[in-house]
Amino acid sequence: MIHKTELAEIEAKRLAEVKAVEDAEKQAKADAENLAKQKNYKQFLADNNYNQDTDILSPDNGTVKLYRLVATYTK
């Protein structure tokens, strides 16, 4: 016969396993979202022919502006 304490231990273990699976699913979803954001950001840079020598990236409240040096005049 299973005692109440054993049942409580089994239930606690089951709940811990369920939580671990839910946490892993949340982490996997967050990782996928981050990967998609990185891919989109790299595509943004490629689409705009980003050049680190002549372009300036300006992050601002979840957006990134790309500024480009157009010309330099020497007196």
N, C-alpha and C. Protein backbone atom coordinates (compact mmCIF):
# COMPACT_ATOMS: atom_id res chain seq x y z
N MET A 1 0.84 -1.18 0.00
CA MET A 1 0.00 0.00 0.00
C MET A 1 0.90 1.25 0.00
N ILE A 2 0.53 2.23 -0.85
CA ILE A 2 1.30 3.46 -0.95
C ILE A 2 0.78 4.44 0.08
N HIS A 3 1.70 5.05 0.80
CA HIS A 3 1.33 6.02 1.83
C HIS A 3 1.13 7.40 1.21
N LYS A 4 0.45 8.25 1.96
CA LYS A 4 0.18 9.60 1.49
C LYS A 4 1.48 10.37 1.21
N THR A 5 2.49 10.15 2.04
CA THR A 5 3.75 10.86 1.83
C THR A 5 4.43 10.40 0.54
N GLU A 6 4.33 9.11 0.22
CA GLU A 6 4.89 8.61 -1.02
C GLU A 6 4.14 9.19 -2.22
N LEU A 7 2.82 9.25 -2.11
CA LEU A 7 2.02 9.85 -3.18
C LEU A 7 2.39 11.32 -3.37
N ALA A 8 2.60 12.03 -2.29
CA ALA A 8 2.98 13.44 -2.37
C ALA A 8 4.35 13.59 -3.02
N GLU A 9 5.27 12.72 -2.69
CA GLU A 9 6.60 12.76 -3.29
C GLU A 9 6.53 12.46 -4.79
N ILE A 10 5.73 11.47 -5.16
CA ILE A 10 5.58 11.12 -6.57
C ILE A 10 4.96 12.29 -7.34
N GLU A 11 3.94 12.91 -6.77
CA GLU A 11 3.29 14.05 -7.42
C GLU A 11 4.24 15.24 -7.53
N ALA A 12 5.03 15.50 -6.50
CA ALA A 12 5.99 16.59 -6.54
C ALA A 12 7.04 16.34 -7.62
N LYS A 13 7.48 15.10 -7.73
CA LYS A 13 8.46 14.75 -8.76
C LYS A 13 7.87 14.93 -10.16
N ARG A 14 6.62 14.51 -10.32
CA ARG A 14 5.94 14.65 -11.61
C ARG A 14 5.79 16.12 -11.97
N LEU A 15 5.39 16.94 -11.02
CA LEU A 15 5.23 18.37 -11.27
C LEU A 15 6.56 19.03 -11.63
N ALA A 16 7.63 18.60 -10.96
CA ALA A 16 8.96 19.13 -11.27
C ALA A 16 9.36 18.76 -12.70
N GLU A 17 9.05 17.55 -13.12
CA GLU A 17 9.37 17.12 -14.48
C GLU A 17 8.56 17.90 -15.51
N VAL A 18 7.29 18.13 -15.22
CA VAL A 18 6.43 18.91 -16.12
C VAL A 18 6.97 20.34 -16.23
N LYS A 19 7.36 20.91 -15.12
CA LYS A 19 7.91 22.27 -15.14
C LYS A 19 9.20 22.33 -15.93
N ALA A 20 10.04 21.31 -15.78
CA ALA A 20 11.31 21.27 -16.52
C ALA A 20 11.05 21.22 -18.02
N VAL A 21 10.06 20.44 -18.44
CA VAL A 21 9.72 20.35 -19.86
C VAL A 21 9.16 21.69 -20.34
N GLU A 22 8.29 22.32 -19.57
CA GLU A 22 7.73 23.61 -19.95
C GLU A 22 8.83 24.67 -20.05
N ASP A 23 9.77 24.67 -19.10
CA ASP A 23 10.89 25.61 -19.15
C ASP A 23 11.75 25.39 -20.38
N ALA A 24 11.99 24.12 -20.72
CA ALA A 24 12.78 23.81 -21.91
C ALA A 24 12.07 24.28 -23.18
N GLU A 25 10.75 24.11 -23.22
CA GLU A 25 9.98 24.57 -24.38
C GLU A 25 10.03 26.10 -24.50
N LYS A 26 9.91 26.80 -23.37
CA LYS A 26 9.99 28.26 -23.39
C LYS A 26 11.37 28.72 -23.86
N GLN A 27 12.42 28.05 -23.39
CA GLN A 27 13.78 28.41 -23.79
C GLN A 27 14.00 28.16 -25.27
N ALA A 28 13.47 27.04 -25.77
CA ALA A 28 13.61 26.72 -27.19
C ALA A 28 12.88 27.77 -28.04
N LYS A 29 11.71 28.20 -27.59
CA LYS A 29 10.96 29.23 -28.32
C LYS A 29 11.72 30.55 -28.31
N ALA A 30 12.28 30.93 -27.17
CA ALA A 30 13.05 32.17 -27.06
C ALA A 30 14.29 32.11 -27.94
N ASP A 31 14.96 30.96 -27.96
CA ASP A 31 16.14 30.79 -28.81
C ASP A 31 15.78 30.93 -30.28
N ALA A 32 14.65 30.34 -30.68
CA ALA A 32 14.21 30.43 -32.07
C ALA A 32 13.90 31.87 -32.45
N GLU A 33 13.25 32.60 -31.54
CA GLU A 33 12.93 34.00 -31.81
C GLU A 33 14.20 34.84 -31.94
N ASN A 34 15.16 34.60 -31.06
CA ASN A 34 16.43 35.33 -31.13
C ASN A 34 17.18 35.02 -32.42
N LEU A 35 17.15 33.78 -32.83
CA LEU A 35 17.82 33.39 -34.07
C LEU A 35 17.16 34.08 -35.27
N ALA A 36 15.84 34.14 -35.26
CA ALA A 36 15.13 34.81 -36.35
C ALA A 36 15.46 36.30 -36.38
N LYS A 37 15.55 36.92 -35.21
CA LYS A 37 15.90 38.35 -35.15
C LYS A 37 17.31 38.58 -35.67
N GLN A 38 18.25 37.71 -35.30
CA GLN A 38 19.62 37.84 -35.79
C GLN A 38 19.68 37.68 -37.30
N LYS A 39 18.92 36.71 -37.82
CA LYS A 39 18.89 36.48 -39.27
C LYS A 39 18.32 37.71 -39.98
N ASN A 40 17.24 38.26 -39.45
CA ASN A 40 16.64 39.45 -40.05
C ASN A 40 17.59 40.64 -40.00
N TYR A 41 18.32 40.79 -38.91
CA TYR A 41 19.27 41.89 -38.77
C TYR A 41 20.40 41.76 -39.79
N LYS A 42 20.93 40.55 -39.92
CA LYS A 42 21.99 40.32 -40.90
C LYS A 42 21.48 40.57 -42.32
N GLN A 43 20.23 40.21 -42.58
CA GLN A 43 19.64 40.46 -43.89
C GLN A 43 19.49 41.95 -44.13
N PHE A 44 19.10 42.70 -43.09
CA PHE A 44 19.01 44.16 -43.18
C PHE A 44 20.36 44.76 -43.58
N LEU A 45 21.43 44.31 -42.93
CA LEU A 45 22.77 44.80 -43.25
C LEU A 45 23.17 44.44 -44.67
N ALA A 46 22.88 43.22 -45.08
CA ALA A 46 23.23 42.78 -46.43
C ALA A 46 22.42 43.53 -47.48
N ASP A 47 21.14 43.73 -47.24
CA ASP A 47 20.28 44.43 -48.19
C ASP A 47 20.74 45.87 -48.41
N ASN A 48 21.36 46.45 -47.40
CA ASN A 48 21.81 47.84 -47.48
C ASN A 48 23.31 47.97 -47.72
N ASN A 49 23.94 46.87 -48.12
CA ASN A 49 25.38 46.86 -48.41
C ASN A 49 26.20 47.52 -47.31
N TYR A 50 25.93 47.10 -46.08
CA TYR A 50 26.62 47.66 -44.92
C TYR A 50 28.13 47.50 -45.05
N ASN A 51 28.85 48.58 -44.80
CA ASN A 51 30.31 48.58 -44.81
C ASN A 51 30.75 49.21 -43.50
N GLN A 52 31.41 48.44 -42.66
CA GLN A 52 31.79 48.95 -41.34
C GLN A 52 32.79 50.10 -41.40
N ASP A 53 33.47 50.27 -42.52
CA ASP A 53 34.45 51.35 -42.65
C ASP A 53 33.80 52.69 -42.96
N THR A 54 32.66 52.68 -43.64
CA THR A 54 32.03 53.94 -44.04
C THR A 54 30.64 54.16 -43.47
N ASP A 55 30.07 53.14 -42.87
CA ASP A 55 28.69 53.24 -42.36
C ASP A 55 28.68 53.30 -40.84
N ILE A 56 27.64 53.93 -40.31
CA ILE A 56 27.47 54.05 -38.86
C ILE A 56 26.12 53.46 -38.50
N LEU A 57 26.11 52.56 -37.52
CA LEU A 57 24.87 51.99 -37.01
C LEU A 57 24.50 52.72 -35.73
N SER A 58 23.24 53.15 -35.67
CA SER A 58 22.77 53.89 -34.51
C SER A 58 21.53 53.21 -33.93
N PRO A 59 21.72 52.38 -32.88
CA PRO A 59 20.56 51.73 -32.25
C PRO A 59 19.76 52.72 -31.42
N ASP A 60 18.42 52.60 -31.47
CA ASP A 60 17.56 53.53 -30.75
C ASP A 60 16.21 52.88 -30.48
N ASN A 61 15.93 52.55 -29.24
CA ASN A 61 14.63 52.01 -28.82
C ASN A 61 14.12 50.87 -29.70
N GLY A 62 14.93 49.85 -29.90
CA GLY A 62 14.50 48.69 -30.66
C GLY A 62 14.64 48.83 -32.16
N THR A 63 15.15 49.95 -32.61
CA THR A 63 15.40 50.13 -34.04
C THR A 63 16.89 50.40 -34.24
N VAL A 64 17.35 50.23 -35.46
CA VAL A 64 18.73 50.55 -35.80
C VAL A 64 18.70 51.38 -37.07
N LYS A 65 19.32 52.54 -37.00
CA LYS A 65 19.42 53.39 -38.17
C LYS A 65 20.82 53.23 -38.76
N LEU A 66 20.87 53.22 -40.08
CA LEU A 66 22.13 53.07 -40.78
C LEU A 66 22.44 54.39 -41.46
N TYR A 67 23.57 54.98 -41.08
CA TYR A 67 24.02 56.23 -41.69
C TYR A 67 25.24 55.92 -42.53
N ARG A 68 25.33 56.57 -43.68
CA ARG A 68 26.42 56.30 -44.59
C ARG A 68 27.13 57.59 -44.94
N LEU A 69 28.45 57.52 -44.92
CA LEU A 69 29.28 58.64 -45.38
C LEU A 69 29.12 58.74 -46.89
N VAL A 70 28.64 59.87 -47.34
CA VAL A 70 28.41 60.05 -48.77
C VAL A 70 29.64 60.57 -49.46
N ALA A 71 30.29 61.55 -48.86
CA ALA A 71 31.46 62.13 -49.50
C ALA A 71 32.28 62.89 -48.48
N THR A 72 33.55 63.10 -48.79
CA THR A 72 34.44 63.88 -47.95
C THR A 72 35.14 64.89 -48.85
N TYR A 73 35.12 66.13 -48.42
CA TYR A 73 35.79 67.18 -49.18
C TYR A 73 37.01 67.62 -48.40
N THR A 74 38.14 67.68 -49.04
CA THR A 74 39.37 68.13 -48.40
C THR A 74 39.73 69.50 -48.96
N LYS A 75 39.93 70.48 -48.08
CA LYS A 75 40.28 71.83 -48.51
C LYS A 75 41.74 71.93 -48.85
